[in-house]
Amino acid sequence: MLKYYIKTTEALKRLRDNEDGVVSFEYVIVAACVVAAVGAAFGLGGTGPISDALSSAISSISSKVTAAVG
């Protein structure tokens, strides 16, 4: 029984120390908030060079996040 307790404790310590996934998840949340703010500021059906540039940038970020995750 003590052996399983030690294994479980060590596994939980390793899980707590591994923060790579948490940091990337925080970046996804920040990116989603930025996208929502830009959408609210410029409208969802906007046209013109600013809308095109933002759409291109968001698509690029989205594809890089998808490639990193998958």
PDB file of N, CA and C in Angstrom:
ATOM      1  N   MET A   1       0.825  -1.189   0.000  1.00  0.00           N
ATOM      2  CA  MET A   1       0.000   0.000   0.000  1.00  0.00           C
ATOM      3  C   MET A   1       0.870   1.253   0.000  1.00  0.00           C
ATOM      4  N   LEU A   2       1.939   1.227   0.771  1.00  0.00           N
ATOM      5  CA  LEU A   2       2.849   2.370   0.829  1.00  0.00           C
ATOM      6  C   LEU A   2       3.491   2.613  -0.532  1.00  0.00           C
ATOM      7  N   LYS A   3       3.776   1.536  -1.251  1.00  0.00           N
ATOM      8  CA  LYS A   3       4.388   1.643  -2.573  1.00  0.00           C
ATOM      9  C   LYS A   3       3.480   2.428  -3.525  1.00  0.00           C
ATOM     10  N   TYR A   4       2.181   2.160  -3.497  1.00  0.00           N
ATOM     11  CA  TYR A   4       1.242   2.856  -4.372  1.00  0.00           C
ATOM     12  C   TYR A   4       1.066   4.314  -3.958  1.00  0.00           C
ATOM     13  N   TYR A   5       1.123   4.563  -2.666  1.00  0.00           N
ATOM     14  CA  TYR A   5       1.036   5.937  -2.173  1.00  0.00           C
ATOM     15  C   TYR A   5       2.210   6.752  -2.686  1.00  0.00           C
ATOM     16  N   ILE A   6       3.402   6.188  -2.614  1.00  0.00           N
ATOM     17  CA  ILE A   6       4.601   6.891  -3.071  1.00  0.00           C
ATOM     18  C   ILE A   6       4.535   7.133  -4.577  1.00  0.00           C
ATOM     19  N   LYS A   7       4.107   6.127  -5.333  1.00  0.00           N
ATOM     20  CA  LYS A   7       3.996   6.294  -6.784  1.00  0.00           C
ATOM     21  C   LYS A   7       2.987   7.384  -7.137  1.00  0.00           C
ATOM     22  N   THR A   8       1.866   7.393  -6.450  1.00  0.00           N
ATOM     23  CA  THR A   8       0.843   8.398  -6.709  1.00  0.00           C
ATOM     24  C   THR A   8       1.340   9.787  -6.350  1.00  0.00           C
ATOM     25  N   THR A   9       2.006   9.908  -5.218  1.00  0.00           N
ATOM     26  CA  THR A   9       2.544  11.198  -4.792  1.00  0.00           C
ATOM     27  C   THR A   9       3.563  11.718  -5.793  1.00  0.00           C
ATOM     28  N   GLU A  10       4.451  10.861  -6.252  1.00  0.00           N
ATOM     29  CA  GLU A  10       5.460  11.276  -7.226  1.00  0.00           C
ATOM     30  C   GLU A  10       4.817  11.674  -8.554  1.00  0.00           C
ATOM     31  N   ALA A  11       3.807  10.951  -8.985  1.00  0.00           N
ATOM     32  CA  ALA A  11       3.118  11.293 -10.234  1.00  0.00           C
ATOM     33  C   ALA A  11       2.438  12.654 -10.124  1.00  0.00           C
ATOM     34  N   LEU A  12       1.820  12.934  -8.990  1.00  0.00           N
ATOM     35  CA  LEU A  12       1.169  14.229  -8.794  1.00  0.00           C
ATOM     36  C   LEU A  12       2.187  15.360  -8.743  1.00  0.00           C
ATOM     37  N   LYS A  13       3.356  15.113  -8.165  1.00  0.00           N
ATOM     38  CA  LYS A  13       4.412  16.132  -8.145  1.00  0.00           C
ATOM     39  C   LYS A  13       4.881  16.445  -9.559  1.00  0.00           C
ATOM     40  N   ARG A  14       5.065  15.400 -10.384  1.00  0.00           N
ATOM     41  CA  ARG A  14       5.492  15.625 -11.772  1.00  0.00           C
ATOM     42  C   ARG A  14       4.423  16.382 -12.546  1.00  0.00           C
ATOM     43  N   LEU A  15       3.178  16.057 -12.314  1.00  0.00           N
ATOM     44  CA  LEU A  15       2.087  16.740 -12.995  1.00  0.00           C
ATOM     45  C   LEU A  15       2.031  18.209 -12.596  1.00  0.00           C
ATOM     46  N   ARG A  16       2.254  18.493 -11.338  1.00  0.00           N
ATOM     47  CA  ARG A  16       2.237  19.868 -10.855  1.00  0.00           C
ATOM     48  C   ARG A  16       3.388  20.670 -11.437  1.00  0.00           C
ATOM     49  N   ASP A  17       4.561  20.050 -11.595  1.00  0.00           N
ATOM     50  CA  ASP A  17       5.734  20.747 -12.104  1.00  0.00           C
ATOM     51  C   ASP A  17       5.689  20.954 -13.610  1.00  0.00           C
ATOM     52  N   ASN A  18       4.884  20.189 -14.331  1.00  0.00           N
ATOM     53  CA  ASN A  18       4.785  20.301 -15.781  1.00  0.00           C
ATOM     54  C   ASN A  18       3.766  21.381 -16.119  1.00  0.00           C
ATOM     55  N   GLU A  19       4.234  22.570 -16.485  1.00  0.00           N
ATOM     56  CA  GLU A  19       3.344  23.689 -16.760  1.00  0.00           C
ATOM     57  C   GLU A  19       3.303  24.059 -18.237  1.00  0.00           C
ATOM     58  N   ASP A  20       3.901  23.274 -19.124  1.00  0.00           N
ATOM     59  CA  ASP A  20       3.928  23.620 -20.539  1.00  0.00           C
ATOM     60  C   ASP A  20       2.524  23.723 -21.116  1.00  0.00           C
ATOM     61  N   GLY A  21       1.682  22.773 -20.819  1.00  0.00           N
ATOM     62  CA  GLY A  21       0.317  22.788 -21.337  1.00  0.00           C
ATOM     63  C   GLY A  21      -0.503  23.938 -20.798  1.00  0.00           C
ATOM     64  N   VAL A  22      -0.268  24.317 -19.548  1.00  0.00           N
ATOM     65  CA  VAL A  22      -1.018  25.410 -18.932  1.00  0.00           C
ATOM     66  C   VAL A  22      -0.678  26.720 -19.609  1.00  0.00           C
ATOM     67  N   VAL A  23       0.610  26.937 -19.870  1.00  0.00           N
ATOM     68  CA  VAL A  23       1.031  28.191 -20.485  1.00  0.00           C
ATOM     69  C   VAL A  23       0.441  28.321 -21.886  1.00  0.00           C
ATOM     70  N   SER A  24       0.496  27.264 -22.678  1.00  0.00           N
ATOM     71  CA  SER A  24      -0.053  27.348 -24.027  1.00  0.00           C
ATOM     72  C   SER A  24      -1.567  27.539 -23.977  1.00  0.00           C
ATOM     73  N   PHE A  25      -2.239  26.951 -22.995  1.00  0.00           N
ATOM     74  CA  PHE A  25      -3.678  27.135 -22.851  1.00  0.00           C
ATOM     75  C   PHE A  25      -3.995  28.591 -22.519  1.00  0.00           C
ATOM     76  N   GLU A  26      -3.152  29.230 -21.709  1.00  0.00           N
ATOM     77  CA  GLU A  26      -3.362  30.640 -21.386  1.00  0.00           C
ATOM     78  C   GLU A  26      -3.221  31.505 -22.631  1.00  0.00           C
ATOM     79  N   TYR A  27      -2.274  31.174 -23.508  1.00  0.00           N
ATOM     80  CA  TYR A  27      -2.120  31.927 -24.750  1.00  0.00           C
ATOM     81  C   TYR A  27      -3.347  31.779 -25.642  1.00  0.00           C
ATOM     82  N   VAL A  28      -3.939  30.609 -25.668  1.00  0.00           N
ATOM     83  CA  VAL A  28      -5.151  30.400 -26.467  1.00  0.00           C
ATOM     84  C   VAL A  28      -6.286  31.259 -25.929  1.00  0.00           C
ATOM     85  N   ILE A  29      -6.403  31.350 -24.609  1.00  0.00           N
ATOM     86  CA  ILE A  29      -7.449  32.187 -24.009  1.00  0.00           C
ATOM     87  C   ILE A  29      -7.225  33.651 -24.359  1.00  0.00           C
ATOM     88  N   VAL A  30      -5.976  34.123 -24.271  1.00  0.00           N
ATOM     89  CA  VAL A  30      -5.667  35.515 -24.606  1.00  0.00           C
ATOM     90  C   VAL A  30      -5.971  35.779 -26.078  1.00  0.00           C
ATOM     91  N   ALA A  31      -5.586  34.850 -26.956  1.00  0.00           N
ATOM     92  CA  ALA A  31      -5.856  35.027 -28.385  1.00  0.00           C
ATOM     93  C   ALA A  31      -7.354  35.096 -28.655  1.00  0.00           C
ATOM     94  N   ALA A  32      -8.134  34.270 -27.980  1.00  0.00           N
ATOM     95  CA  ALA A  32      -9.586  34.297 -28.167  1.00  0.00           C
ATOM     96  C   ALA A  32     -10.173  35.628 -27.712  1.00  0.00           C
ATOM     97  N   CYS A  33      -9.661  36.178 -26.630  1.00  0.00           N
ATOM     98  CA  CYS A  33     -10.136  37.483 -26.151  1.00  0.00           C
ATOM     99  C   CYS A  33      -9.783  38.591 -27.138  1.00  0.00           C
ATOM    100  N   VAL A  34      -8.587  38.530 -27.713  1.00  0.00           N
ATOM    101  CA  VAL A  34      -8.178  39.532 -28.697  1.00  0.00           C
ATOM    102  C   VAL A  34      -9.072  39.446 -29.933  1.00  0.00           C
ATOM    103  N   VAL A  35      -9.339  38.238 -30.391  1.00  0.00           N
ATOM    104  CA  VAL A  35     -10.212  38.060 -31.556  1.00  0.00           C
ATOM    105  C   VAL A  35     -11.602  38.614 -31.265  1.00  0.00           C
ATOM    106  N   ALA A  36     -12.119  38.358 -30.083  1.00  0.00           N
ATOM    107  CA  ALA A  36     -13.442  38.872 -29.720  1.00  0.00           C
ATOM    108  C   ALA A  36     -13.446  40.399 -29.671  1.00  0.00           C
ATOM    109  N   ALA A  37     -12.385  40.998 -29.128  1.00  0.00           N
ATOM    110  CA  ALA A  37     -12.306  42.457 -29.050  1.00  0.00           C
ATOM    111  C   ALA A  37     -12.211  43.079 -30.438  1.00  0.00           C
ATOM    112  N   VAL A  38     -11.411  42.490 -31.308  1.00  0.00           N
ATOM    113  CA  VAL A  38     -11.283  43.008 -32.676  1.00  0.00           C
ATOM    114  C   VAL A  38     -12.602  42.853 -33.420  1.00  0.00           C
ATOM    115  N   GLY A  39     -13.260  41.720 -33.237  1.00  0.00           N
ATOM    116  CA  GLY A  39     -14.562  41.517 -33.870  1.00  0.00           C
ATOM    117  C   GLY A  39     -15.585  42.531 -33.396  1.00  0.00           C
ATOM    118  N   ALA A  40     -15.560  42.845 -32.117  1.00  0.00           N
ATOM    119  CA  ALA A  40     -16.496  43.835 -31.578  1.00  0.00           C
ATOM    120  C   ALA A  40     -16.164  45.239 -32.079  1.00  0.00           C
ATOM    121  N   ALA A  41     -14.877  45.544 -32.228  1.00  0.00           N
ATOM    122  CA  ALA A  41     -14.470  46.884 -32.643  1.00  0.00           C
ATOM    123  C   ALA A  41     -14.735  47.138 -34.126  1.00  0.00           C
ATOM    124  N   PHE A  42     -14.480  46.164 -34.972  1.00  0.00           N
ATOM    125  CA  PHE A  42     -14.591  46.370 -36.414  1.00  0.00           C
ATOM    126  C   PHE A  42     -15.826  45.726 -37.029  1.00  0.00           C
ATOM    127  N   GLY A  43     -16.592  45.022 -36.248  1.00  0.00           N
ATOM    128  CA  GLY A  43     -17.762  44.338 -36.784  1.00  0.00           C
ATOM    129  C   GLY A  43     -17.374  43.005 -37.400  1.00  0.00           C
ATOM    130  N   LEU A  44     -18.309  42.085 -37.405  1.00  0.00           N
ATOM    131  CA  LEU A  44     -18.005  40.750 -37.908  1.00  0.00           C
ATOM    132  C   LEU A  44     -18.081  40.663 -39.426  1.00  0.00           C
ATOM    133  N   GLY A  45     -18.756  41.582 -40.088  1.00  0.00           N
ATOM    134  CA  GLY A  45     -18.885  41.541 -41.539  1.00  0.00           C
ATOM    135  C   GLY A  45     -18.128  42.663 -42.213  1.00  0.00           C
ATOM    136  N   GLY A  46     -17.033  43.110 -41.614  1.00  0.00           N
ATOM    137  CA  GLY A  46     -16.283  44.245 -42.137  1.00  0.00           C
ATOM    138  C   GLY A  46     -15.603  43.955 -43.459  1.00  0.00           C
ATOM    139  N   THR A  47     -15.362  45.015 -44.218  1.00  0.00           N
ATOM    140  CA  THR A  47     -14.633  44.908 -45.474  1.00  0.00           C
ATOM    141  C   THR A  47     -13.555  45.972 -45.494  1.00  0.00           C
ATOM    142  N   GLY A  48     -12.594  45.802 -46.374  1.00  0.00           N
ATOM    143  CA  GLY A  48     -11.536  46.780 -46.514  1.00  0.00           C
ATOM    144  C   GLY A  48     -10.190  46.198 -46.133  1.00  0.00           C
ATOM    145  N   PRO A  49      -9.149  47.019 -46.257  1.00  0.00           N
ATOM    146  CA  PRO A  49      -7.790  46.511 -46.013  1.00  0.00           C
ATOM    147  C   PRO A  49      -7.535  46.099 -44.563  1.00  0.00           C
ATOM    148  N   ILE A  50      -8.125  46.805 -43.608  1.00  0.00           N
ATOM    149  CA  ILE A  50      -7.914  46.438 -42.202  1.00  0.00           C
ATOM    150  C   ILE A  50      -8.556  45.086 -41.921  1.00  0.00           C
ATOM    151  N   SER A  51      -9.766  44.908 -42.403  1.00  0.00           N
ATOM    152  CA  SER A  51     -10.448  43.629 -42.205  1.00  0.00           C
ATOM    153  C   SER A  51      -9.700  42.496 -42.892  1.00  0.00           C
ATOM    154  N   ASP A  52      -9.189  42.745 -44.097  1.00  0.00           N
ATOM    155  CA  ASP A  52      -8.430  41.716 -44.814  1.00  0.00           C
ATOM    156  C   ASP A  52      -7.143  41.358 -44.076  1.00  0.00           C
ATOM    157  N   ALA A  53      -6.435  42.375 -43.570  1.00  0.00           N
ATOM    158  CA  ALA A  53      -5.186  42.123 -42.839  1.00  0.00           C
ATOM    159  C   ALA A  53      -5.456  41.350 -41.549  1.00  0.00           C
ATOM    160  N   LEU A  54      -6.513  41.739 -40.831  1.00  0.00           N
ATOM    161  CA  LEU A  54      -6.851  41.036 -39.593  1.00  0.00           C
ATOM    162  C   LEU A  54      -7.279  39.605 -39.878  1.00  0.00           C
ATOM    163  N   SER A  55      -8.046  39.411 -40.924  1.00  0.00           N
ATOM    164  CA  SER A  55      -8.484  38.068 -41.285  1.00  0.00           C
ATOM    165  C   SER A  55      -7.298  37.187 -41.643  1.00  0.00           C
ATOM    166  N   SER A  56      -6.360  37.737 -42.388  1.00  0.00           N
ATOM    167  CA  SER A  56      -5.159  36.982 -42.764  1.00  0.00           C
ATOM    168  C   SER A  56      -4.324  36.638 -41.540  1.00  0.00           C
ATOM    169  N   ALA A  57      -4.157  37.605 -40.640  1.00  0.00           N
ATOM    170  CA  ALA A  57      -3.353  37.365 -39.434  1.00  0.00           C
ATOM    171  C   ALA A  57      -4.010  36.324 -38.534  1.00  0.00           C
ATOM    172  N   ILE A  58      -5.311  36.413 -38.367  1.00  0.00           N
ATOM    173  CA  ILE A  58      -6.016  35.458 -37.517  1.00  0.00           C
ATOM    174  C   ILE A  58      -5.961  34.061 -38.119  1.00  0.00           C
ATOM    175  N   SER A  59      -6.082  33.968 -39.431  1.00  0.00           N
ATOM    176  CA  SER A  59      -5.976  32.660 -40.091  1.00  0.00           C
ATOM    177  C   SER A  59      -4.592  32.059 -39.906  1.00  0.00           C
ATOM    178  N   SER A  60      -3.574  32.903 -40.007  1.00  0.00           N
ATOM    179  CA  SER A  60      -2.199  32.432 -39.824  1.00  0.00           C
ATOM    180  C   SER A  60      -1.978  31.925 -38.402  1.00  0.00           C
ATOM    181  N   ILE A  61      -2.446  32.687 -37.430  1.00  0.00           N
ATOM    182  CA  ILE A  61      -2.302  32.277 -36.030  1.00  0.00           C
ATOM    183  C   ILE A  61      -3.067  30.984 -35.777  1.00  0.00           C
ATOM    184  N   SER A  62      -4.262  30.909 -36.319  1.00  0.00           N
ATOM    185  CA  SER A  62      -5.083  29.717 -36.122  1.00  0.00           C
ATOM    186  C   SER A  62      -4.419  28.475 -36.701  1.00  0.00           C
ATOM    187  N   SER A  63      -3.850  28.592 -37.888  1.00  0.00           N
ATOM    188  CA  SER A  63      -3.199  27.425 -38.491  1.00  0.00           C
ATOM    189  C   SER A  63      -1.956  27.018 -37.718  1.00  0.00           C
ATOM    190  N   LYS A  64      -1.217  27.990 -37.181  1.00  0.00           N
ATOM    191  CA  LYS A  64      -0.025  27.657 -36.393  1.00  0.00           C
ATOM    192  C   LYS A  64      -0.395  27.000 -35.069  1.00  0.00           C
ATOM    193  N   VAL A  65      -1.471  27.467 -34.442  1.00  0.00           N
ATOM    194  CA  VAL A  65      -1.925  26.844 -33.195  1.00  0.00           C
ATOM    195  C   VAL A  65      -2.401  25.420 -33.471  1.00  0.00           C
ATOM    196  N   THR A  66      -3.134  25.240 -34.564  1.00  0.00           N
ATOM    197  CA  THR A  66      -3.607  23.903 -34.923  1.00  0.00           C
ATOM    198  C   THR A  66      -2.442  22.965 -35.205  1.00  0.00           C
ATOM    199  N   ALA A  67      -1.422  23.467 -35.898  1.00  0.00           N
ATOM    200  CA  ALA A  67      -0.249  22.640 -36.192  1.00  0.00           C
ATOM    201  C   ALA A  67       0.512  22.290 -34.918  1.00  0.00           C
ATOM    202  N   ALA A  68       0.575  23.239 -33.979  1.00  0.00           N
ATOM    203  CA  ALA A  68       1.299  22.982 -32.731  1.00  0.00           C
ATOM    204  C   ALA A  68       0.559  21.976 -31.855  1.00  0.00           C
ATOM    205  N   VAL A  69      -0.755  22.051 -31.853  1.00  0.00           N
ATOM    206  CA  VAL A  69      -1.550  21.155 -31.014  1.00  0.00           C
ATOM    207  C   VAL A  69      -1.650  19.769 -31.632  1.00  0.00           C
ATOM    208  N   GLY A  70      -1.881  19.724 -32.928  1.00  0.00           N
ATOM    209  CA  GLY A  70      -2.159  18.440 -33.566  1.00  0.00           C
ATOM    210  C   GLY A  70      -0.949  17.811 -34.116  1.00  0.00           C
TER     211      GLY A  70
END
